[in-house]
């Protein structure tokens, strides 16, 4: 682990005045679902990449560094993070790092019913689960799996275990689930769940699919406002969603609208790939390797090694762009969303 006790904490910031308190940490790029907007042909192993994902020790070293730099929230993503057998150990390790206040997990819900107890016991604070349809047949069409009830049962168990922050992510798709908008709303009328509608994003390999299925987040926002939903004030460490509440509903709604004006203005998050590369933006160019600064075993990084990594990180952040170029169809190196977990 990092020997940083004597180092002063300096908040991570970029040249545009944005401060970063939220880290999205991918622990694998492998996914066992075949969502048609992400991996329609399933996961394909990159045979040219001989490296294994970050070890538990490397994860501890990296997160400790970022915690020293003001990161307070870590979201564990994939691919599908539950495919790592040591996921409970990862959650526990991250949760116990001084400075980390919130550990969240984004999952497709695979075997959630049997695994959620170990995640909660390890210290998990928040859970996001992808459910793109509440209709079993449509769920199968989108994901390639007949696991809707299994996923719903897992969410129910998470709530029964006392996990207070449970969110459901749904990518709205014109040809598949847009006509289920009212079904989703009815579902959260008596469910204390935050439902997040995500605007489909173009990636390097889904241009035709995007053109056929993209639904403007602004159009969904208008529908909600017309129905009496009211926007809530965002917390400092919140993700990119604009959140809405309604007096007649137990649940609330979040909208993630990457094509909206000034979407990147309040950016507070950085991303680490499963191979230890820092990505300044989901749709930026190739990441910046941090792994060569780390030790695969538990040996502490020396003060000199830490100082080098610390300076390298600060310098990289100064080249972060003010925004993405999605509106100009520039998707950077993002081939598909499983690469960094969104």
C-alpha atoms as a PDB file:
ATOM      1  CA  UNK A   1       0.000   0.000   0.000  1.00  0.00           C
ATOM      2  CA  UNK A   2       1.027   3.634  -0.404  1.00  0.00           C
ATOM      3  CA  UNK A   3       2.966   5.335   2.367  1.00  0.00           C
ATOM      4  CA  UNK A   4       1.248   8.725   2.236  1.00  0.00           C
ATOM      5  CA  UNK A   5       0.624   9.644   5.859  1.00  0.00           C
ATOM      6  CA  UNK A   6       2.954  12.641   5.785  1.00  0.00           C
ATOM      7  CA  UNK A   7       1.696  14.058   2.509  1.00  0.00           C
ATOM      8  CA  UNK A   8      -0.698  16.991   2.451  1.00  0.00           C
ATOM      9  CA  UNK A   9      -4.006  16.497   0.678  1.00  0.00           C
ATOM     10  CA  UNK A  10      -4.487  18.584  -2.457  1.00  0.00           C
ATOM     11  CA  UNK A  11      -7.794  18.412  -4.318  1.00  0.00           C
ATOM     12  CA  UNK A  12      -7.599  17.150  -7.896  1.00  0.00           C
ATOM     13  CA  UNK A  13      -8.542  19.871 -10.360  1.00  0.00           C
ATOM     14  CA  UNK A  14      -8.178  20.639 -14.059  1.00  0.00           C
ATOM     15  CA  UNK A  15      -7.411  23.777 -16.046  1.00  0.00           C
ATOM     16  CA  UNK A  16     -11.136  24.614 -16.283  1.00  0.00           C
ATOM     17  CA  UNK A  17     -11.697  24.927 -12.532  1.00  0.00           C
ATOM     18  CA  UNK A  18     -13.402  21.553 -12.086  1.00  0.00           C
ATOM     19  CA  UNK A  19     -12.601  19.538  -8.963  1.00  0.00           C
ATOM     20  CA  UNK A  20     -12.767  15.744  -8.864  1.00  0.00           C
ATOM     21  CA  UNK A  21     -14.161  13.804  -5.917  1.00  0.00           C
ATOM     22  CA  UNK A  22     -15.550  10.770  -7.774  1.00  0.00           C
ATOM     23  CA  UNK A  23     -13.577   7.870  -9.266  1.00  0.00           C
ATOM     24  CA  UNK A  24     -15.028   5.187 -11.535  1.00  0.00           C
ATOM     25  CA  UNK A  25     -12.848   2.094 -11.215  1.00  0.00           C
ATOM     26  CA  UNK A  26     -13.180  -0.709 -13.764  1.00  0.00           C
ATOM     27  CA  UNK A  27     -12.008  -4.049 -12.375  1.00  0.00           C
ATOM     28  CA  UNK A  28     -12.582  -6.093 -15.559  1.00  0.00           C
ATOM     29  CA  UNK A  29     -13.574  -5.460 -19.168  1.00  0.00           C
ATOM     30  CA  UNK A  30     -15.224  -8.891 -19.421  1.00  0.00           C
ATOM     31  CA  UNK A  31     -19.034  -8.984 -19.591  1.00  0.00           C
ATOM     32  CA  UNK A  32     -21.330 -12.011 -19.765  1.00  0.00           C
ATOM     33  CA  UNK A  33     -24.330 -10.150 -21.234  1.00  0.00           C
ATOM     34  CA  UNK A  34     -24.816  -9.318 -24.917  1.00  0.00           C
ATOM     35  CA  UNK A  35     -26.693  -6.030 -24.749  1.00  0.00           C
ATOM     36  CA  UNK A  36     -27.449  -5.007 -28.308  1.00  0.00           C
ATOM     37  CA  UNK A  37     -26.422  -1.382 -27.728  1.00  0.00           C
ATOM     38  CA  UNK A  38     -23.063  -2.375 -26.240  1.00  0.00           C
ATOM     39  CA  UNK A  39     -21.828  -5.920 -27.010  1.00  0.00           C
ATOM     40  CA  UNK A  40     -24.316  -7.419 -29.491  1.00  0.00           C
ATOM     41  CA  UNK A  41     -21.888 -10.229 -30.391  1.00  0.00           C
ATOM     42  CA  UNK A  42     -20.813 -10.818 -26.797  1.00  0.00           C
ATOM     43  CA  UNK A  43     -17.439 -10.213 -25.208  1.00  0.00           C
ATOM     44  CA  UNK A  44     -14.439 -10.901 -27.407  1.00  0.00           C
ATOM     45  CA  UNK A  45     -11.087 -11.330 -25.708  1.00  0.00           C
ATOM     46  CA  UNK A  46      -8.349  -9.057 -27.042  1.00  0.00           C
ATOM     47  CA  UNK A  47      -5.663 -11.646 -27.757  1.00  0.00           C
ATOM     48  CA  UNK A  48      -3.085  -8.906 -28.206  1.00  0.00           C
ATOM     49  CA  UNK A  49      -3.534  -7.794 -24.584  1.00  0.00           C
ATOM     50  CA  UNK A  50      -1.475 -10.098 -22.399  1.00  0.00           C
ATOM     51  CA  UNK A  51      -2.000  -8.077 -19.221  1.00  0.00           C
ATOM     52  CA  UNK A  52      -4.322  -9.207 -16.458  1.00  0.00           C
ATOM     53  CA  UNK A  53      -6.642  -6.743 -14.684  1.00  0.00           C
ATOM     54  CA  UNK A  54      -5.405  -4.778 -11.706  1.00  0.00           C
ATOM     55  CA  UNK A  55      -4.613  -6.900  -8.662  1.00  0.00           C
ATOM     56  CA  UNK A  56      -6.165  -6.215  -5.287  1.00  0.00           C
ATOM     57  CA  UNK A  57      -2.875  -4.699  -4.120  1.00  0.00           C
ATOM     58  CA  UNK A  58      -2.664  -2.426  -7.167  1.00  0.00           C
ATOM     59  CA  UNK A  59      -6.263  -1.316  -6.636  1.00  0.00           C
ATOM     60  CA  UNK A  60      -5.472  -0.438  -3.016  1.00  0.00           C
ATOM     61  CA  UNK A  61      -2.413   1.573  -4.043  1.00  0.00           C
ATOM     62  CA  UNK A  62      -4.295   3.512  -6.728  1.00  0.00           C
ATOM     63  CA  UNK A  63      -7.366   4.301  -4.641  1.00  0.00           C
ATOM     64  CA  UNK A  64      -5.174   5.348  -1.702  1.00  0.00           C
ATOM     65  CA  UNK A  65      -3.412   7.814  -3.994  1.00  0.00           C
ATOM     66  CA  UNK A  66      -6.703   9.224  -5.260  1.00  0.00           C
ATOM     67  CA  UNK A  67      -8.115   9.426  -1.728  1.00  0.00           C
ATOM     68  CA  UNK A  68      -5.097  11.497  -0.737  1.00  0.00           C
ATOM     69  CA  UNK A  69      -5.979  13.784  -3.649  1.00  0.00           C
ATOM     70  CA  UNK A  70      -9.585  14.328  -2.538  1.00  0.00           C
ATOM     71  CA  UNK A  71     -11.506  11.421  -4.075  1.00  0.00           C
ATOM     72  CA  UNK A  72     -14.378  10.558  -1.724  1.00  0.00           C
ATOM     73  CA  UNK A  73     -16.562   8.267  -3.822  1.00  0.00           C
ATOM     74  CA  UNK A  74     -15.479   5.176  -5.766  1.00  0.00           C
ATOM     75  CA  UNK A  75     -17.784   3.349  -8.148  1.00  0.00           C
ATOM     76  CA  UNK A  76     -16.669  -0.168  -9.078  1.00  0.00           C
ATOM     77  CA  UNK A  77     -17.563  -1.016 -12.661  1.00  0.00           C
ATOM     78  CA  UNK A  78     -16.635  -3.423 -15.470  1.00  0.00           C
ATOM     79  CA  UNK A  79     -17.413  -5.003 -17.914  1.00  0.00           C
ATOM     80  CA  UNK A  80     -19.343  -6.929 -15.305  1.00  0.00           C
ATOM     81  CA  UNK A  81     -17.523  -6.619 -11.949  1.00  0.00           C
ATOM     82  CA  UNK A  82     -19.307  -9.578 -10.340  1.00  0.00           C
ATOM     83  CA  UNK A  83     -17.321 -11.881 -12.619  1.00  0.00           C
ATOM     84  CA  UNK A  84     -14.311 -11.207 -10.387  1.00  0.00           C
ATOM     85  CA  UNK A  85     -14.341 -13.754  -7.558  1.00  0.00           C
ATOM     86  CA  UNK A  86     -12.504 -11.307  -5.301  1.00  0.00           C
ATOM     87  CA  UNK A  87     -15.119  -8.552  -5.704  1.00  0.00           C
ATOM     88  CA  UNK A  88     -16.106  -8.634  -1.983  1.00  0.00           C
ATOM     89  CA  UNK A  89     -12.412  -8.217  -1.083  1.00  0.00           C
ATOM     90  CA  UNK A  90     -12.139  -5.300  -3.522  1.00  0.00           C
ATOM     91  CA  UNK A  91     -15.178  -3.601  -1.962  1.00  0.00           C
ATOM     92  CA  UNK A  92     -13.834  -4.121   1.561  1.00  0.00           C
ATOM     93  CA  UNK A  93     -10.346  -2.901   0.669  1.00  0.00           C
ATOM     94  CA  UNK A  94     -11.621   0.273  -1.023  1.00  0.00           C
ATOM     95  CA  UNK A  95     -14.110   0.977   1.765  1.00  0.00           C
ATOM     96  CA  UNK A  96     -11.355   0.788   4.405  1.00  0.00           C
ATOM     97  CA  UNK A  97      -9.063   3.309   2.692  1.00  0.00           C
ATOM     98  CA  UNK A  98      -8.943   6.548   4.725  1.00  0.00           C
ATOM     99  CA  UNK A  99     -10.889   9.308   3.000  1.00  0.00           C
ATOM    100  CA  UNK A 100     -13.220   7.076   0.990  1.00  0.00           C
ATOM    101  CA  UNK A 101     -16.756   7.768   2.161  1.00  0.00           C
ATOM    102  CA  UNK A 102     -18.840   5.934  -0.457  1.00  0.00           C
ATOM    103  CA  UNK A 103     -18.286   2.690  -2.343  1.00  0.00           C
ATOM    104  CA  UNK A 104     -20.798   2.020  -5.106  1.00  0.00           C
ATOM    105  CA  UNK A 105     -21.188  -0.837  -7.575  1.00  0.00           C
ATOM    106  CA  UNK A 106     -22.658  -0.923 -11.084  1.00  0.00           C
ATOM    107  CA  UNK A 107     -23.743  -4.391 -12.223  1.00  0.00           C
ATOM    108  CA  UNK A 108     -25.991  -6.174 -14.690  1.00  0.00           C
ATOM    109  CA  UNK A 109     -27.395  -8.061 -11.689  1.00  0.00           C
ATOM    110  CA  UNK A 110     -25.816 -11.424 -12.534  1.00  0.00           C
ATOM    111  CA  UNK A 111     -26.301 -13.801  -9.556  1.00  0.00           C
ATOM    112  CA  UNK A 112     -27.106 -10.763  -7.442  1.00  0.00           C
ATOM    113  CA  UNK A 113     -29.450 -12.703  -5.159  1.00  0.00           C
ATOM    114  CA  UNK A 114     -26.683 -15.036  -3.981  1.00  0.00           C
ATOM    115  CA  UNK A 115     -23.897 -12.435  -3.959  1.00  0.00           C
ATOM    116  CA  UNK A 116     -25.410  -9.230  -2.571  1.00  0.00           C
ATOM    117  CA  UNK A 117     -25.023 -10.343   1.062  1.00  0.00           C
ATOM    118  CA  UNK A 118     -21.228 -10.577   0.656  1.00  0.00           C
ATOM    119  CA  UNK A 119     -21.148  -7.132  -1.018  1.00  0.00           C
ATOM    120  CA  UNK A 120     -23.127  -5.512   1.799  1.00  0.00           C
ATOM    121  CA  UNK A 121     -21.052  -7.267   4.449  1.00  0.00           C
ATOM    122  CA  UNK A 122     -17.915  -5.920   2.736  1.00  0.00           C
ATOM    123  CA  UNK A 123     -19.190  -2.351   3.121  1.00  0.00           C
ATOM    124  CA  UNK A 124     -21.054  -1.566  -0.105  1.00  0.00           C
ATOM    125  CA  UNK A 125     -22.967   1.725   0.190  1.00  0.00           C
ATOM    126  CA  UNK A 126     -24.785   1.989  -3.137  1.00  0.00           C
ATOM    127  CA  UNK A 127     -25.859  -0.271  -5.983  1.00  0.00           C
ATOM    128  CA  UNK A 128     -26.785   0.477  -9.599  1.00  0.00           C
ATOM    129  CA  UNK A 129     -28.338  -2.331 -11.645  1.00  0.00           C
ATOM    130  CA  UNK A 130     -29.059  -2.256 -15.371  1.00  0.00           C
ATOM    131  CA  UNK A 131     -32.638  -3.152 -16.304  1.00  0.00           C
ATOM    132  CA  UNK A 132     -33.517  -1.968 -19.796  1.00  0.00           C
ATOM    133  CA  UNK A 133     -37.005  -3.444 -19.796  1.00  0.00           C
ATOM    134  CA  UNK A 134     -39.543  -4.755 -17.280  1.00  0.00           C
ATOM    135  CA  UNK A 135     -40.958  -7.035 -19.981  1.00  0.00           C
ATOM    136  CA  UNK A 136     -39.154 -10.414 -19.871  1.00  0.00           C
ATOM    137  CA  UNK A 137     -39.261 -10.867 -23.643  1.00  0.00           C
ATOM    138  CA  UNK A 138     -37.916  -7.395 -24.409  1.00  0.00           C
ATOM    139  CA  UNK A 139     -35.307  -7.784 -21.646  1.00  0.00           C
ATOM    140  CA  UNK A 140     -34.126 -10.958 -23.399  1.00  0.00           C
ATOM    141  CA  UNK A 141     -34.078  -9.247 -26.784  1.00  0.00           C
ATOM    142  CA  UNK A 142     -31.898  -6.419 -25.478  1.00  0.00           C
ATOM    143  CA  UNK A 143     -29.556  -8.377 -23.173  1.00  0.00           C
ATOM    144  CA  UNK A 144     -29.523 -11.889 -24.651  1.00  0.00           C
ATOM    145  CA  UNK A 145     -30.538 -13.361 -21.268  1.00  0.00           C
ATOM    146  CA  UNK A 146     -33.722 -14.552 -19.558  1.00  0.00           C
ATOM    147  CA  UNK A 147     -32.674 -13.178 -16.164  1.00  0.00           C
ATOM    148  CA  UNK A 148     -35.144 -10.356 -15.515  1.00  0.00           C
ATOM    149  CA  UNK A 149     -36.822 -11.978 -12.502  1.00  0.00           C
ATOM    150  CA  UNK A 150     -33.447 -13.009 -11.097  1.00  0.00           C
ATOM    151  CA  UNK A 151     -32.234  -9.418 -11.318  1.00  0.00           C
ATOM    152  CA  UNK A 152     -35.435  -8.051  -9.756  1.00  0.00           C
ATOM    153  CA  UNK A 153     -35.125 -10.569  -6.917  1.00  0.00           C
ATOM    154  CA  UNK A 154     -31.560  -9.423  -6.344  1.00  0.00           C
ATOM    155  CA  UNK A 155     -32.673  -5.809  -6.057  1.00  0.00           C
ATOM    156  CA  UNK A 156     -35.369  -6.825  -3.600  1.00  0.00           C
ATOM    157  CA  UNK A 157     -32.823  -8.665  -1.468  1.00  0.00           C
ATOM    158  CA  UNK A 158     -30.467  -5.660  -1.553  1.00  0.00           C
ATOM    159  CA  UNK A 159     -33.250  -3.494  -0.144  1.00  0.00           C
ATOM    160  CA  UNK A 160     -34.174  -6.137   2.448  1.00  0.00           C
ATOM    161  CA  UNK A 161     -30.558  -6.134   3.628  1.00  0.00           C
ATOM    162  CA  UNK A 162     -30.871  -2.414   4.318  1.00  0.00           C
ATOM    163  CA  UNK A 163     -28.996  -1.025   1.314  1.00  0.00           C
ATOM    164  CA  UNK A 164     -30.576   2.418   1.097  1.00  0.00           C
ATOM    165  CA  UNK A 165     -29.129   3.639  -2.202  1.00  0.00           C
ATOM    166  CA  UNK A 166     -30.387   1.339  -4.951  1.00  0.00           C
ATOM    167  CA  UNK A 167     -30.688   2.640  -8.509  1.00  0.00           C
ATOM    168  CA  UNK A 168     -31.877   1.064 -11.741  1.00  0.00           C
ATOM    169  CA  UNK A 169     -30.316   2.129 -15.044  1.00  0.00           C
ATOM    170  CA  UNK A 170     -32.298   1.933 -18.278  1.00  0.00           C
ATOM    171  CA  UNK A 171     -30.979   2.971 -21.676  1.00  0.00           C
ATOM    172  CA  UNK A 172     -33.952   4.257 -23.633  1.00  0.00           C
ATOM    173  CA  UNK A 173     -34.083   2.802 -27.158  1.00  0.00           C
ATOM    174  CA  UNK A 174     -36.524   3.952 -29.808  1.00  0.00           C
ATOM    175  CA  UNK A 175     -37.093   0.495 -31.331  1.00  0.00           C
ATOM    176  CA  UNK A 176     -37.182  -1.527 -28.111  1.00  0.00           C
ATOM    177  CA  UNK A 177     -38.307   0.072 -24.851  1.00  0.00           C
ATOM    178  CA  UNK A 178     -39.336   3.677 -25.427  1.00  0.00           C
ATOM    179  CA  UNK A 179     -42.979   2.553 -25.531  1.00  0.00           C
ATOM    180  CA  UNK A 180     -42.517   1.219 -21.976  1.00  0.00           C
ATOM    181  CA  UNK A 181     -41.878   4.659 -20.485  1.00  0.00           C
ATOM    182  CA  UNK A 182     -45.187   4.649 -18.597  1.00  0.00           C
ATOM    183  CA  UNK A 183     -44.537   1.090 -17.375  1.00  0.00           C
ATOM    184  CA  UNK A 184     -41.282   2.225 -15.825  1.00  0.00           C
ATOM    185  CA  UNK A 185     -43.026   5.166 -14.132  1.00  0.00           C
ATOM    186  CA  UNK A 186     -45.777   2.959 -12.739  1.00  0.00           C
ATOM    187  CA  UNK A 187     -43.144   0.585 -11.359  1.00  0.00           C
ATOM    188  CA  UNK A 188     -41.554   3.234  -9.132  1.00  0.00           C
ATOM    189  CA  UNK A 189     -44.878   4.607  -7.898  1.00  0.00           C
ATOM    190  CA  UNK A 190     -44.699   2.230  -4.939  1.00  0.00           C
ATOM    191  CA  UNK A 191     -40.966   1.400  -5.157  1.00  0.00           C
ATOM    192  CA  UNK A 192     -38.368   3.450  -3.295  1.00  0.00           C
ATOM    193  CA  UNK A 193     -35.903   3.183  -6.162  1.00  0.00           C
ATOM    194  CA  UNK A 194     -34.080   5.776  -8.214  1.00  0.00           C
ATOM    195  CA  UNK A 195     -34.760   5.005 -11.863  1.00  0.00           C
ATOM    196  CA  UNK A 196     -32.202   6.512 -14.231  1.00  0.00           C
ATOM    197  CA  UNK A 197     -32.970   6.949 -17.899  1.00  0.00           C
ATOM    198  CA  UNK A 198     -29.730   7.051 -19.892  1.00  0.00           C
ATOM    199  CA  UNK A 199     -29.491   8.660 -23.299  1.00  0.00           C
ATOM    200  CA  UNK A 200     -27.979   6.236 -25.812  1.00  0.00           C
ATOM    201  CA  UNK A 201     -24.426   7.282 -26.712  1.00  0.00           C
ATOM    202  CA  UNK A 202     -22.649   6.691 -29.972  1.00  0.00           C
ATOM    203  CA  UNK A 203     -19.504   4.558 -29.786  1.00  0.00           C
ATOM    204  CA  UNK A 204     -16.961   3.430 -32.344  1.00  0.00           C
ATOM    205  CA  UNK A 205     -18.950   0.356 -33.391  1.00  0.00           C
ATOM    206  CA  UNK A 206     -22.656   1.270 -33.061  1.00  0.00           C
ATOM    207  CA  UNK A 207     -23.211   4.154 -35.499  1.00  0.00           C
ATOM    208  CA  UNK A 208     -26.106   2.553 -37.424  1.00  0.00           C
ATOM    209  CA  UNK A 209     -27.721   1.296 -34.208  1.00  0.00           C
ATOM    210  CA  UNK A 210     -27.349   4.740 -32.651  1.00  0.00           C
ATOM    211  CA  UNK A 211     -28.973   6.468 -35.621  1.00  0.00           C
ATOM    212  CA  UNK A 212     -31.938   4.074 -35.442  1.00  0.00           C
ATOM    213  CA  UNK A 213     -32.452   4.066 -31.676  1.00  0.00           C
ATOM    214  CA  UNK A 214     -31.248   7.320 -30.150  1.00  0.00           C
ATOM    215  CA  UNK A 215     -33.861   9.067 -28.000  1.00  0.00           C
ATOM    216  CA  UNK A 216     -33.174  12.667 -27.048  1.00  0.00           C
ATOM    217  CA  UNK A 217     -32.807  13.119 -23.309  1.00  0.00           C
ATOM    218  CA  UNK A 218     -34.364  16.552 -23.687  1.00  0.00           C
ATOM    219  CA  UNK A 219     -37.584  14.969 -24.967  1.00  0.00           C
ATOM    220  CA  UNK A 220     -37.774  12.724 -21.885  1.00  0.00           C
ATOM    221  CA  UNK A 221     -37.050  15.704 -19.644  1.00  0.00           C
ATOM    222  CA  UNK A 222     -39.985  17.582 -21.185  1.00  0.00           C
ATOM    223  CA  UNK A 223     -42.307  14.612 -20.671  1.00  0.00           C
ATOM    224  CA  UNK A 224     -41.360  14.451 -16.990  1.00  0.00           C
ATOM    225  CA  UNK A 225     -41.827  18.179 -16.428  1.00  0.00           C
ATOM    226  CA  UNK A 226     -45.207  18.048 -18.170  1.00  0.00           C
ATOM    227  CA  UNK A 227     -46.202  15.264 -15.756  1.00  0.00           C
ATOM    228  CA  UNK A 228     -45.297  17.365 -12.715  1.00  0.00           C
ATOM    229  CA  UNK A 229     -41.829  16.032 -11.883  1.00  0.00           C
ATOM    230  CA  UNK A 230     -39.540  18.593 -10.201  1.00  0.00           C
ATOM    231  CA  UNK A 231     -35.728  18.738 -10.407  1.00  0.00           C
ATOM    232  CA  UNK A 232     -33.797  18.069  -7.174  1.00  0.00           C
ATOM    233  CA  UNK A 233     -30.572  19.750  -6.024  1.00  0.00           C
ATOM    234  CA  UNK A 234     -27.501  17.588  -6.769  1.00  0.00           C
ATOM    235  CA  UNK A 235     -25.067  16.580  -4.028  1.00  0.00           C
ATOM    236  CA  UNK A 236     -21.382  17.422  -4.472  1.00  0.00           C
ATOM    237  CA  UNK A 237     -20.305  13.840  -5.177  1.00  0.00           C
ATOM    238  CA  UNK A 238     -23.295  12.981  -7.378  1.00  0.00           C
ATOM    239  CA  UNK A 239     -22.885  11.436 -10.782  1.00  0.00           C
ATOM    240  CA  UNK A 240     -23.967  13.097 -14.024  1.00  0.00           C
ATOM    241  CA  UNK A 241     -27.710  12.529 -13.616  1.00  0.00           C
ATOM    242  CA  UNK A 242     -30.231  15.323 -13.183  1.00  0.00           C
ATOM    243  CA  UNK A 243     -32.657  13.994 -10.582  1.00  0.00           C
ATOM    244  CA  UNK A 244     -36.403  14.555 -10.375  1.00  0.00           C
ATOM    245  CA  UNK A 245     -39.060  13.805  -7.764  1.00  0.00           C
ATOM    246  CA  UNK A 246     -42.861  13.732  -7.704  1.00  0.00           C
ATOM    247  CA  UNK A 247     -45.170  13.815  -4.641  1.00  0.00           C
ATOM    248  CA  UNK A 248     -47.200  10.873  -5.948  1.00  0.00           C
ATOM    249  CA  UNK A 249     -44.207   8.570  -6.394  1.00  0.00           C
ATOM    250  CA  UNK A 250     -42.068   6.734  -3.828  1.00  0.00           C
ATOM    251  CA  UNK A 251     -39.174   6.496  -6.268  1.00  0.00           C
ATOM    252  CA  UNK A 252     -37.406   9.216  -8.171  1.00  0.00           C
ATOM    253  CA  UNK A 253     -35.929   9.610 -11.643  1.00  0.00           C
ATOM    254  CA  UNK A 254     -32.497  10.550 -12.883  1.00  0.00           C
ATOM    255  CA  UNK A 255     -31.722  11.641 -16.424  1.00  0.00           C
ATOM    256  CA  UNK A 256     -28.267  11.216 -17.922  1.00  0.00           C
ATOM    257  CA  UNK A 257     -28.188  13.392 -21.025  1.00  0.00           C
ATOM    258  CA  UNK A 258     -24.685  13.524 -22.542  1.00  0.00           C
ATOM    259  CA  UNK A 259     -25.967  15.441 -25.586  1.00  0.00           C
ATOM    260  CA  UNK A 260     -27.417  18.262 -23.477  1.00  0.00           C
ATOM    261  CA  UNK A 261     -25.839  21.706 -23.301  1.00  0.00           C
ATOM    262  CA  UNK A 262     -23.074  22.103 -20.703  1.00  0.00           C
ATOM    263  CA  UNK A 263     -23.246  18.407 -19.754  1.00  0.00           C
ATOM    264  CA  UNK A 264     -19.505  18.377 -19.014  1.00  0.00           C
ATOM    265  CA  UNK A 265     -19.453  21.665 -17.122  1.00  0.00           C
ATOM    266  CA  UNK A 266     -20.057  19.994 -13.751  1.00  0.00           C
ATOM    267  CA  UNK A 267     -17.876  16.945 -14.419  1.00  0.00           C
ATOM    268  CA  UNK A 268     -16.484  15.647 -11.118  1.00  0.00           C
ATOM    269  CA  UNK A 269     -15.334  12.147 -12.087  1.00  0.00           C
ATOM    270  CA  UNK A 270     -12.305  10.361 -13.437  1.00  0.00           C
ATOM    271  CA  UNK A 271     -12.012   6.817 -14.776  1.00  0.00           C
ATOM    272  CA  UNK A 272      -9.479   4.037 -14.304  1.00  0.00           C
ATOM    273  CA  UNK A 273      -9.551   1.111 -16.735  1.00  0.00           C
ATOM    274  CA  UNK A 274      -9.119  -2.476 -15.593  1.00  0.00           C
ATOM    275  CA  UNK A 275      -5.512  -2.303 -16.829  1.00  0.00           C
ATOM    276  CA  UNK A 276      -4.692   0.780 -14.763  1.00  0.00           C
ATOM    277  CA  UNK A 277      -5.053   3.525 -17.349  1.00  0.00           C
ATOM    278  CA  UNK A 278      -6.462   6.907 -16.374  1.00  0.00           C
ATOM    279  CA  UNK A 279      -9.155   8.128 -18.768  1.00  0.00           C
ATOM    280  CA  UNK A 280      -9.983  11.820 -18.515  1.00  0.00           C
ATOM    281  CA  UNK A 281     -13.247  11.351 -20.412  1.00  0.00           C
ATOM    282  CA  UNK A 282     -15.395   8.382 -21.380  1.00  0.00           C
ATOM    283  CA  UNK A 283     -15.024   9.516 -24.983  1.00  0.00           C
ATOM    284  CA  UNK A 284     -11.420  10.695 -24.888  1.00  0.00           C
ATOM    285  CA  UNK A 285      -8.445   9.173 -26.612  1.00  0.00           C
ATOM    286  CA  UNK A 286      -6.384   6.321 -25.154  1.00  0.00           C
ATOM    287  CA  UNK A 287      -5.811   6.405 -21.409  1.00  0.00           C
ATOM    288  CA  UNK A 288      -2.655   7.319 -19.515  1.00  0.00           C
ATOM    289  CA  UNK A 289      -0.851   4.392 -17.930  1.00  0.00           C
ATOM    290  CA  UNK A 290      -0.536   4.563 -14.140  1.00  0.00           C
ATOM    291  CA  UNK A 291       0.200   0.894 -13.614  1.00  0.00           C
ATOM    292  CA  UNK A 292       3.953   1.111 -14.162  1.00  0.00           C
ATOM    293  CA  UNK A 293       4.138   3.212 -10.977  1.00  0.00           C
ATOM    294  CA  UNK A 294       2.515   0.441  -8.916  1.00  0.00           C
ATOM    295  CA  UNK A 295       3.683  -2.782  -7.307  1.00  0.00           C
ATOM    296  CA  UNK A 296       1.816  -6.029  -7.991  1.00  0.00           C
ATOM    297  CA  UNK A 297       2.618  -7.240  -4.470  1.00  0.00           C
ATOM    298  CA  UNK A 298       2.079  -5.500  -1.138  1.00  0.00           C
ATOM    299  CA  UNK A 299       5.404  -3.636  -1.056  1.00  0.00           C
ATOM    300  CA  UNK A 300       4.942   0.010  -0.225  1.00  0.00           C
ATOM    301  CA  UNK A 301       5.694   2.561  -2.904  1.00  0.00           C
ATOM    302  CA  UNK A 302       8.574   4.750  -1.837  1.00  0.00           C
ATOM    303  CA  UNK A 303       8.112   8.472  -1.255  1.00  0.00           C
ATOM    304  CA  UNK A 304      10.045   9.192  -4.466  1.00  0.00           C
ATOM    305  CA  UNK A 305       7.881   6.805  -6.493  1.00  0.00           C
ATOM    306  CA  UNK A 306       4.748   8.297  -4.993  1.00  0.00           C
ATOM    307  CA  UNK A 307       5.918  11.828  -5.757  1.00  0.00           C
ATOM    308  CA  UNK A 308       6.507  10.872  -9.399  1.00  0.00           C
ATOM    309  CA  UNK A 309       3.016   9.391  -9.716  1.00  0.00           C
ATOM    310  CA  UNK A 310       1.496  12.350  -7.905  1.00  0.00           C
ATOM    311  CA  UNK A 311       3.157  14.876 -10.258  1.00  0.00           C
ATOM    312  CA  UNK A 312       2.282  12.781 -13.321  1.00  0.00           C
ATOM    313  CA  UNK A 313      -1.373  12.727 -12.309  1.00  0.00           C
ATOM    314  CA  UNK A 314      -1.512  16.488 -11.737  1.00  0.00           C
ATOM    315  CA  UNK A 315       0.074  17.174 -15.134  1.00  0.00           C
ATOM    316  CA  UNK A 316      -2.319  14.870 -16.984  1.00  0.00           C
ATOM    317  CA  UNK A 317      -5.379  16.569 -15.505  1.00  0.00           C
ATOM    318  CA  UNK A 318      -4.331  19.907 -16.960  1.00  0.00           C
ATOM    319  CA  UNK A 319      -4.896  18.593 -20.496  1.00  0.00           C
ATOM    320  CA  UNK A 320      -8.469  17.458 -19.818  1.00  0.00           C
ATOM    321  CA  UNK A 321     -10.728  19.056 -22.404  1.00  0.00           C
ATOM    322  CA  UNK A 322     -13.693  21.225 -21.409  1.00  0.00           C
ATOM    323  CA  UNK A 323     -16.099  18.745 -22.968  1.00  0.00           C
ATOM    324  CA  UNK A 324     -16.583  15.742 -25.229  1.00  0.00           C
ATOM    325  CA  UNK A 325     -17.297  15.975 -28.961  1.00  0.00           C
ATOM    326  CA  UNK A 326     -20.189  13.522 -29.159  1.00  0.00           C
ATOM    327  CA  UNK A 327     -22.360  16.080 -30.909  1.00  0.00           C
ATOM    328  CA  UNK A 328     -19.785  16.008 -33.727  1.00  0.00           C
ATOM    329  CA  UNK A 329     -19.782  12.192 -33.820  1.00  0.00           C
ATOM    330  CA  UNK A 330     -16.313  12.080 -32.259  1.00  0.00           C
ATOM    331  CA  UNK A 331     -16.275   9.050 -29.954  1.00  0.00           C
ATOM    332  CA  UNK A 332     -12.539   8.931 -29.237  1.00  0.00           C
ATOM    333  CA  UNK A 333     -11.143   5.482 -28.500  1.00  0.00           C
ATOM    334  CA  UNK A 334     -14.457   4.216 -27.066  1.00  0.00           C
ATOM    335  CA  UNK A 335     -15.302   1.125 -29.139  1.00  0.00           C
ATOM    336  CA  UNK A 336     -18.052  -0.021 -26.764  1.00  0.00           C
ATOM    337  CA  UNK A 337     -19.268   0.947 -23.291  1.00  0.00           C
ATOM    338  CA  UNK A 338     -18.004  -2.253 -21.625  1.00  0.00           C
ATOM    339  CA  UNK A 339     -14.458  -0.915 -22.014  1.00  0.00           C
ATOM    340  CA  UNK A 340     -14.909   1.481 -19.092  1.00  0.00           C
ATOM    341  CA  UNK A 341     -18.295   0.659 -17.627  1.00  0.00           C
ATOM    342  CA  UNK A 342     -19.930   3.870 -18.843  1.00  0.00           C
END
